[in-house]
C-alpha atoms as a PDB file:
ATOM      1  CA  MET A   1     -28.837   6.986 -30.399  1.00  0.00           C
ATOM      2  CA  VAL A   2     -29.712   4.158 -28.011  1.00  0.00           C
ATOM      3  CA  GLU A   3     -28.417   4.474 -24.444  1.00  0.00           C
ATOM      4  CA  GLU A   4     -26.553   1.303 -23.557  1.00  0.00           C
ATOM      5  CA  GLU A   5     -27.364  -0.480 -20.313  1.00  0.00           C
ATOM      6  CA  ILE A   6     -24.450  -0.564 -17.889  1.00  0.00           C
ATOM      7  CA  GLN A   7     -24.090  -3.817 -15.993  1.00  0.00           C
ATOM      8  CA  ILE A   8     -22.872  -3.186 -12.461  1.00  0.00           C
ATOM      9  CA  ASN A   9     -22.701  -6.166 -10.162  1.00  0.00           C
ATOM     10  CA  LYS A  10     -24.397  -5.466  -6.851  1.00  0.00           C
ATOM     11  CA  ILE A  11     -23.678  -8.034  -4.199  1.00  0.00           C
ATOM     12  CA  PHE A  12     -24.329  -7.301  -0.550  1.00  0.00           C
ATOM     13  CA  ASP A  13     -22.018  -9.437   1.493  1.00  0.00           C
ATOM     14  CA  SER A  14     -21.705  -7.539   4.751  1.00  0.00           C
ATOM     15  CA  ASP A  15     -23.915  -5.638   7.148  1.00  0.00           C
ATOM     16  CA  PHE A  16     -22.155  -2.464   6.024  1.00  0.00           C
ATOM     17  CA  SER A  17     -22.762  -2.946   2.278  1.00  0.00           C
ATOM     18  CA  GLU A  18     -26.401  -3.852   2.929  1.00  0.00           C
ATOM     19  CA  LYS A  19     -26.922  -0.910   5.318  1.00  0.00           C
ATOM     20  CA  TYR A  20     -25.512   1.532   2.786  1.00  0.00           C
ATOM     21  CA  ASP A  21     -27.183  -0.214  -0.172  1.00  0.00           C
ATOM     22  CA  ILE A  22     -23.929  -0.298  -2.118  1.00  0.00           C
ATOM     23  CA  GLY A  23     -22.139  -3.055  -3.984  1.00  0.00           C
ATOM     24  CA  LEU A  24     -18.400  -3.328  -4.602  1.00  0.00           C
ATOM     25  CA  GLU A  25     -18.381  -1.773  -8.070  1.00  0.00           C
ATOM     26  CA  GLU A  26     -20.550   1.113  -6.906  1.00  0.00           C
ATOM     27  CA  PHE A  27     -18.218   1.648  -3.946  1.00  0.00           C
ATOM     28  CA  ILE A  28     -15.226   1.767  -6.307  1.00  0.00           C
ATOM     29  CA  LEU A  29     -16.969   4.468  -8.347  1.00  0.00           C
ATOM     30  CA  VAL A  30     -17.726   6.472  -5.176  1.00  0.00           C
ATOM     31  CA  PHE A  31     -14.118   5.958  -4.041  1.00  0.00           C
ATOM     32  CA  LEU A  32     -12.638   7.177  -7.335  1.00  0.00           C
ATOM     33  CA  ARG A  33     -15.116  10.080  -7.402  1.00  0.00           C
ATOM     34  CA  SER A  34     -13.747  11.306  -4.087  1.00  0.00           C
ATOM     35  CA  PHE A  35     -10.417  11.994  -5.818  1.00  0.00           C
ATOM     36  CA  GLU A  36     -12.145  14.128  -8.472  1.00  0.00           C
ATOM     37  CA  ASN A  37      -9.773  14.471 -11.434  1.00  0.00           C
ATOM     38  CA  ASP A  38      -6.750  12.952  -9.702  1.00  0.00           C
ATOM     39  CA  MET A  39      -5.612   9.553 -10.851  1.00  0.00           C
ATOM     40  CA  ILE A  40      -4.879   6.782  -8.389  1.00  0.00           C
ATOM     41  CA  LYS A  41      -1.223   6.124  -9.134  1.00  0.00           C
ATOM     42  CA  GLY A  42      -1.104   2.417  -9.861  1.00  0.00           C
ATOM     43  CA  LYS A  43      -3.265  -0.633  -9.344  1.00  0.00           C
ATOM     44  CA  THR A  44      -1.011  -1.744  -6.496  1.00  0.00           C
ATOM     45  CA  ARG A  45      -1.791   1.488  -4.642  1.00  0.00           C
ATOM     46  CA  PHE A  46      -5.503   1.092  -5.449  1.00  0.00           C
ATOM     47  CA  GLN A  47      -5.548  -2.462  -4.033  1.00  0.00           C
ATOM     48  CA  LYS A  48      -3.837  -1.273  -0.851  1.00  0.00           C
ATOM     49  CA  LEU A  49      -6.116   1.759  -0.362  1.00  0.00           C
ATOM     50  CA  ILE A  50      -9.235  -0.405  -0.608  1.00  0.00           C
ATOM     51  CA  TYR A  51      -7.562  -2.952   1.687  1.00  0.00           C
ATOM     52  CA  LEU A  52      -7.004  -0.270   4.336  1.00  0.00           C
ATOM     53  CA  ILE A  53     -10.613   0.924   4.141  1.00  0.00           C
ATOM     54  CA  ASN A  54     -11.949  -2.619   4.265  1.00  0.00           C
ATOM     55  CA  LYS A  55      -9.608  -3.602   7.128  1.00  0.00           C
ATOM     56  CA  GLU A  56     -10.864  -0.717   9.259  1.00  0.00           C
ATOM     57  CA  HIS A  57     -14.560  -0.671   8.300  1.00  0.00           C
ATOM     58  CA  LYS A  58     -15.331  -4.271   7.204  1.00  0.00           C
ATOM     59  CA  ILE A  59     -17.243  -3.041   4.155  1.00  0.00           C
ATOM     60  CA  PHE A  60     -16.994  -6.165   1.978  1.00  0.00           C
ATOM     61  CA  ASN A  61     -16.405  -9.784   2.971  1.00  0.00           C
ATOM     62  CA  GLU A  62     -16.142 -10.952  -0.658  1.00  0.00           C
ATOM     63  CA  LEU A  63     -12.710  -9.407  -1.219  1.00  0.00           C
ATOM     64  CA  ASN A  64     -10.913 -12.468   0.197  1.00  0.00           C
ATOM     65  CA  TYR A  65      -7.459 -10.896   0.320  1.00  0.00           C
ATOM     66  CA  TYR A  66      -4.465 -13.173   0.120  1.00  0.00           C
ATOM     67  CA  ARG A  67      -0.752 -12.559   0.399  1.00  0.00           C
ATOM     68  CA  TYR A  68       0.769 -11.577  -2.926  1.00  0.00           C
ATOM     69  CA  TYR A  69       3.981  -9.917  -4.172  1.00  0.00           C
ATOM     70  CA  TYR A  70       3.211  -6.462  -2.749  1.00  0.00           C
ATOM     71  CA  GLY A  71       0.999  -7.427   0.175  1.00  0.00           C
ATOM     72  CA  PRO A  72      -2.734  -8.183   0.379  1.00  0.00           C
ATOM     73  CA  TYR A  73      -4.360  -8.732  -3.023  1.00  0.00           C
ATOM     74  CA  SER A  74      -7.975  -9.405  -3.992  1.00  0.00           C
ATOM     75  CA  ASP A  75      -9.021 -11.126  -7.208  1.00  0.00           C
ATOM     76  CA  ALA A  76     -12.599  -9.911  -6.595  1.00  0.00           C
ATOM     77  CA  LEU A  77     -11.359  -6.321  -6.538  1.00  0.00           C
ATOM     78  CA  GLU A  78      -9.416  -6.840  -9.768  1.00  0.00           C
ATOM     79  CA  ASP A  79     -12.508  -8.438 -11.371  1.00  0.00           C
ATOM     80  CA  ALA A  80     -14.623  -5.439 -10.327  1.00  0.00           C
ATOM     81  CA  LEU A  81     -12.074  -3.067 -11.907  1.00  0.00           C
ATOM     82  CA  ARG A  82     -12.123  -5.143 -15.090  1.00  0.00           C
ATOM     83  CA  ASN A  83     -15.928  -4.947 -15.275  1.00  0.00           C
ATOM     84  CA  LEU A  84     -15.871  -1.181 -14.720  1.00  0.00           C
ATOM     85  CA  ARG A  85     -13.239  -0.810 -17.453  1.00  0.00           C
ATOM     86  CA  ILE A  86     -15.256  -2.987 -19.877  1.00  0.00           C
ATOM     87  CA  ASN A  87     -18.277  -0.774 -19.202  1.00  0.00           C
ATOM     88  CA  ARG A  88     -16.065   2.287 -19.831  1.00  0.00           C
ATOM     89  CA  LEU A  89     -16.682   3.678 -16.346  1.00  0.00           C
ATOM     90  CA  ILE A  90     -12.984   3.956 -15.520  1.00  0.00           C
ATOM     91  CA  ASP A  91      -9.983   4.980 -17.576  1.00  0.00           C
ATOM     92  CA  GLU A  92      -6.598   3.373 -17.225  1.00  0.00           C
ATOM     93  CA  ARG A  93      -3.330   4.993 -18.240  1.00  0.00           C
ATOM     94  CA  THR A  94      -0.207   2.864 -18.497  1.00  0.00           C
ATOM     95  CA  THR A  95       3.169   4.497 -17.941  1.00  0.00           C
ATOM     96  CA  TYR A  96       6.299   2.556 -18.896  1.00  0.00           C
ATOM     97  CA  PHE A  97       9.458   3.359 -16.945  1.00  0.00           C
ATOM     98  CA  ASP A  98      11.951   1.636 -19.253  1.00  0.00           C
ATOM     99  CA  ASP A  99      12.211  -0.045 -22.665  1.00  0.00           C
ATOM    100  CA  THR A 100      11.745  -3.601 -21.383  1.00  0.00           C
ATOM    101  CA  GLY A 101       7.971  -3.243 -20.970  1.00  0.00           C
ATOM    102  CA  LEU A 102       8.299  -4.927 -17.589  1.00  0.00           C
ATOM    103  CA  ASN A 103       8.512  -1.828 -15.405  1.00  0.00           C
ATOM    104  CA  PHE A 104       5.169  -0.034 -15.629  1.00  0.00           C
ATOM    105  CA  GLN A 105       2.305   1.450 -13.651  1.00  0.00           C
ATOM    106  CA  ILE A 106      -1.419   1.458 -14.491  1.00  0.00           C
ATOM    107  CA  ASP A 107      -3.152   4.567 -13.138  1.00  0.00           C
ATOM    108  CA  LEU A 108      -6.924   4.731 -12.599  1.00  0.00           C
ATOM    109  CA  LYS A 109      -9.574   7.421 -12.709  1.00  0.00           C
ATOM    110  CA  LEU A 110     -13.241   7.784 -13.563  1.00  0.00           C
ATOM    111  CA  SER A 111     -14.188   8.263 -17.206  1.00  0.00           C
ATOM    112  CA  GLU A 112     -16.827  10.851 -18.134  1.00  0.00           C
ATOM    113  CA  LYS A 113     -19.361   8.027 -18.097  1.00  0.00           C
ATOM    114  CA  GLY A 114     -18.042   6.906 -14.704  1.00  0.00           C
ATOM    115  CA  ILE A 115     -18.408  10.421 -13.295  1.00  0.00           C
ATOM    116  CA  GLN A 116     -22.052  10.437 -14.393  1.00  0.00           C
ATOM    117  CA  LYS A 117     -22.655   7.001 -12.865  1.00  0.00           C
ATOM    118  CA  ALA A 118     -20.977   8.056  -9.596  1.00  0.00           C
ATOM    119  CA  GLU A 119     -23.267  11.094  -9.452  1.00  0.00           C
ATOM    120  CA  GLU A 120     -26.286   8.810  -9.962  1.00  0.00           C
ATOM    121  CA  ILE A 121     -25.067   6.638  -7.080  1.00  0.00           C
ATOM    122  CA  LYS A 122     -24.595   9.737  -4.906  1.00  0.00           C
ATOM    123  CA  GLN A 123     -28.171  10.840  -5.639  1.00  0.00           C
ATOM    124  CA  LYS A 124     -29.526   7.347  -4.977  1.00  0.00           C
ATOM    125  CA  LEU A 125     -27.696   7.082  -1.650  1.00  0.00           C
ATOM    126  CA  GLY A 126     -28.935  10.482  -0.478  1.00  0.00           C
ATOM    127  CA  GLU A 127     -28.013  11.027   3.170  1.00  0.00           C
ATOM    128  CA  LYS A 128     -26.083   7.733   3.255  1.00  0.00           C
ATOM    129  CA  PHE A 129     -23.492   9.239   0.896  1.00  0.00           C
ATOM    130  CA  GLY A 130     -21.976  11.566   3.516  1.00  0.00           C
ATOM    131  CA  PRO A 131     -20.853   8.768   5.861  1.00  0.00           C
ATOM    132  CA  LEU A 132     -19.282   6.863   2.938  1.00  0.00           C
ATOM    133  CA  GLU A 133     -17.380   9.950   1.864  1.00  0.00           C
ATOM    134  CA  LYS A 134     -16.282  10.480   5.490  1.00  0.00           C
ATOM    135  CA  ILE A 135     -14.869   6.937   5.644  1.00  0.00           C
ATOM    136  CA  ILE A 136     -12.723   7.628   2.586  1.00  0.00           C
ATOM    137  CA  GLU A 137     -11.695  11.017   3.971  1.00  0.00           C
ATOM    138  CA  THR A 138     -10.695   9.785   7.435  1.00  0.00           C
ATOM    139  CA  THR A 139      -9.126   6.479   6.389  1.00  0.00           C
ATOM    140  CA  ILE A 140      -7.254   7.519   3.239  1.00  0.00           C
ATOM    141  CA  LYS A 141      -6.994  11.264   2.741  1.00  0.00           C
ATOM    142  CA  GLU A 142      -6.286  12.405   6.306  1.00  0.00           C
ATOM    143  CA  ASN A 143      -3.451   9.869   6.464  1.00  0.00           C
ATOM    144  CA  ASN A 144      -2.199  10.869   2.979  1.00  0.00           C
ATOM    145  CA  PHE A 145      -2.174   7.196   1.965  1.00  0.00           C
ATOM    146  CA  HIS A 146      -3.219   8.178  -1.572  1.00  0.00           C
ATOM    147  CA  SER A 147      -0.218  10.466  -2.115  1.00  0.00           C
ATOM    148  CA  MET A 148       2.606   9.050   0.014  1.00  0.00           C
ATOM    149  CA  PRO A 149       5.436   7.146  -1.668  1.00  0.00           C
ATOM    150  CA  LEU A 150       4.338   3.603  -2.497  1.00  0.00           C
ATOM    151  CA  LYS A 151       7.139   2.020  -0.431  1.00  0.00           C
ATOM    152  CA  LYS A 152       5.920   3.853   2.668  1.00  0.00           C
ATOM    153  CA  LEU A 153       2.301   2.828   1.978  1.00  0.00           C
ATOM    154  CA  LEU A 154       3.357  -0.798   1.493  1.00  0.00           C
ATOM    155  CA  LYS A 155       5.222  -0.772   4.816  1.00  0.00           C
ATOM    156  CA  ILE A 156       2.039   0.418   6.572  1.00  0.00           C
ATOM    157  CA  VAL A 157      -0.077  -2.195   4.785  1.00  0.00           C
ATOM    158  CA  TYR A 158       2.405  -4.987   5.626  1.00  0.00           C
ATOM    159  CA  GLU A 159       2.218  -4.010   9.291  1.00  0.00           C
ATOM    160  CA  LYS A 160      -1.599  -3.905   9.302  1.00  0.00           C
ATOM    161  CA  ALA A 161      -1.737  -7.274   7.526  1.00  0.00           C
ATOM    162  CA  GLY A 162       0.766  -8.809   9.943  1.00  0.00           C
ATOM    163  CA  TYR A 163       3.432  -9.449   7.292  1.00  0.00           C
ATOM    164  CA  SER A 164       7.038  -9.274   8.382  1.00  0.00           C
ATOM    165  CA  LYS A 165       8.298  -8.684   4.815  1.00  0.00           C
ATOM    166  CA  ARG A 166       7.425  -8.842   1.126  1.00  0.00           C
ATOM    167  CA  ILE A 167       7.361 -12.303  -0.505  1.00  0.00           C
END
């Protein structure tokens, strides 16, 4: 069996990403790895969690957030997720909340292949991995942003983004 080559885009667009030798897609894998087997409940939540990390630590300039229905949204982040899904590094699970097909949530977690790739990234980063993990821990987990009700998270994100209300 031939091992397929995984294409991960690696663009350094900030001092932080260059210092830590990590591109956006690799950071997403490290981020999802930090939640082990837990799923990130919804792409909206995922977008906001990465927004909060990026707002505080200026990790990636390329995200170019703009105001969208539920606050700051990044097409670059969505494109990175799409590439990781195409390469089977993340799994998505869609949950429908009614029969219309309009009320749903897409949850995210690493696939088995993604777990292996995240471990490779951890090994490659060596001592640089600890500070990255600490950023996720202090920005997201200690504030319980990953598990709080979405409405509460959105209120916090709106405030940090300077939005007075949802559009």
